[in-house]
Amino acid sequence: MIPQNFKDILSNTDNAGFYQTLALIFFMLFFVALVIYVFSRPKKYYKEEEEAPLQDDENDDDFNLKN
């Protein structure tokens, strides 16, 4: 039998439940770490990033295409 997709490969192994549990734990740890990282940043950082596209750069003259 040729496996048709990734699900077939994982479901035919002896430790399929273990691999699925391990994948879920890694996903949850990554998600929790990402949430902690986002909420640990100061609000000032996000305010500066929010306004960045609207601010004029002082070094625009270097990239000006005028000859």
C-alpha atoms as a PDB file:
ATOM      1  CA  MET A   1       0.000   0.000   0.000  1.00  0.00           C
ATOM      2  CA  ILE A   2       1.372   3.398  -0.987  1.00  0.00           C
ATOM      3  CA  PRO A   3       0.546   6.118   1.560  1.00  0.00           C
ATOM      4  CA  GLN A   4      -1.498   8.880  -0.009  1.00  0.00           C
ATOM      5  CA  ASN A   5      -0.801  11.598   2.502  1.00  0.00           C
ATOM      6  CA  PHE A   6       0.920  12.433   5.766  1.00  0.00           C
ATOM      7  CA  LYS A   7      -2.053  11.238   7.807  1.00  0.00           C
ATOM      8  CA  ASP A   8      -1.685   7.713   6.386  1.00  0.00           C
ATOM      9  CA  ILE A   9       1.997   7.637   7.268  1.00  0.00           C
ATOM     10  CA  LEU A  10       1.425   8.702  10.876  1.00  0.00           C
ATOM     11  CA  SER A  11      -1.571   6.472  11.472  1.00  0.00           C
ATOM     12  CA  ASN A  12       0.308   3.339  10.440  1.00  0.00           C
ATOM     13  CA  THR A  13       3.162   3.666  12.927  1.00  0.00           C
ATOM     14  CA  ASP A  14       3.291   2.016  16.321  1.00  0.00           C
ATOM     15  CA  ASN A  15       3.730   5.273  18.241  1.00  0.00           C
ATOM     16  CA  ALA A  16       1.218   7.423  16.337  1.00  0.00           C
ATOM     17  CA  GLY A  17      -0.531   8.585  19.522  1.00  0.00           C
ATOM     18  CA  PHE A  18       2.779   9.564  21.085  1.00  0.00           C
ATOM     19  CA  TYR A  19       3.811  11.644  18.044  1.00  0.00           C
ATOM     20  CA  GLN A  20       0.439  13.374  17.951  1.00  0.00           C
ATOM     21  CA  THR A  21       0.645  14.174  21.654  1.00  0.00           C
ATOM     22  CA  LEU A  22       4.197  15.448  21.270  1.00  0.00           C
ATOM     23  CA  ALA A  23       3.178  17.666  18.350  1.00  0.00           C
ATOM     24  CA  LEU A  24       0.278  19.086  20.362  1.00  0.00           C
ATOM     25  CA  ILE A  25       2.555  19.826  23.333  1.00  0.00           C
ATOM     26  CA  PHE A  26       5.095  21.597  21.075  1.00  0.00           C
ATOM     27  CA  PHE A  27       2.342  23.665  19.479  1.00  0.00           C
ATOM     28  CA  MET A  28       0.888  24.652  22.839  1.00  0.00           C
ATOM     29  CA  LEU A  29       4.319  25.595  24.225  1.00  0.00           C
ATOM     30  CA  PHE A  30       5.051  27.711  21.153  1.00  0.00           C
ATOM     31  CA  PHE A  31       1.646  29.416  21.369  1.00  0.00           C
ATOM     32  CA  VAL A  32       1.984  30.157  25.104  1.00  0.00           C
ATOM     33  CA  ALA A  33       5.541  31.465  24.609  1.00  0.00           C
ATOM     34  CA  LEU A  34       4.347  33.719  21.785  1.00  0.00           C
ATOM     35  CA  VAL A  35       1.516  35.127  23.907  1.00  0.00           C
ATOM     36  CA  ILE A  36       3.898  35.751  26.821  1.00  0.00           C
ATOM     37  CA  TYR A  37       6.380  37.468  24.476  1.00  0.00           C
ATOM     38  CA  VAL A  38       3.713  39.739  22.989  1.00  0.00           C
ATOM     39  CA  PHE A  39       2.262  40.761  26.345  1.00  0.00           C
ATOM     40  CA  SER A  40       5.688  41.300  27.923  1.00  0.00           C
ATOM     41  CA  ARG A  41       6.592  44.026  25.405  1.00  0.00           C
ATOM     42  CA  PRO A  42       5.887  47.561  26.645  1.00  0.00           C
ATOM     43  CA  LYS A  43       2.969  49.394  25.093  1.00  0.00           C
ATOM     44  CA  LYS A  44       5.378  52.102  23.977  1.00  0.00           C
ATOM     45  CA  TYR A  45       7.000  49.622  21.569  1.00  0.00           C
ATOM     46  CA  TYR A  46       3.690  48.897  19.864  1.00  0.00           C
ATOM     47  CA  LYS A  47       2.779  52.585  19.727  1.00  0.00           C
ATOM     48  CA  GLU A  48       6.056  53.355  17.951  1.00  0.00           C
ATOM     49  CA  GLU A  49       5.536  50.473  15.523  1.00  0.00           C
ATOM     50  CA  GLU A  50       1.959  51.555  14.901  1.00  0.00           C
ATOM     51  CA  GLU A  51       3.022  55.041  13.855  1.00  0.00           C
ATOM     52  CA  ALA A  52       6.127  53.982  11.876  1.00  0.00           C
ATOM     53  CA  PRO A  53       4.469  53.846   8.416  1.00  0.00           C
ATOM     54  CA  LEU A  54       3.130  57.368   8.875  1.00  0.00           C
ATOM     55  CA  GLN A  55       6.409  58.998   9.886  1.00  0.00           C
ATOM     56  CA  ASP A  56       8.760  60.591   7.398  1.00  0.00           C
ATOM     57  CA  ASP A  57      12.229  59.118   7.297  1.00  0.00           C
ATOM     58  CA  GLU A  58      15.076  61.588   7.645  1.00  0.00           C
ATOM     59  CA  ASN A  59      17.281  59.524   5.326  1.00  0.00           C
ATOM     60  CA  ASP A  60      14.891  59.639   2.360  1.00  0.00           C
ATOM     61  CA  ASP A  61      17.337  61.829   0.440  1.00  0.00           C
ATOM     62  CA  ASP A  62      19.717  58.879   0.078  1.00  0.00           C
ATOM     63  CA  PHE A  63      17.094  56.834  -1.711  1.00  0.00           C
ATOM     64  CA  ASN A  64      15.629  59.608  -3.814  1.00  0.00           C
ATOM     65  CA  LEU A  65      15.596  58.825  -7.533  1.00  0.00           C
ATOM     66  CA  LYS A  66      16.087  62.435  -8.627  1.00  0.00           C
ATOM     67  CA  ASN A  67      19.234  63.047 -10.681  1.00  0.00           C
END
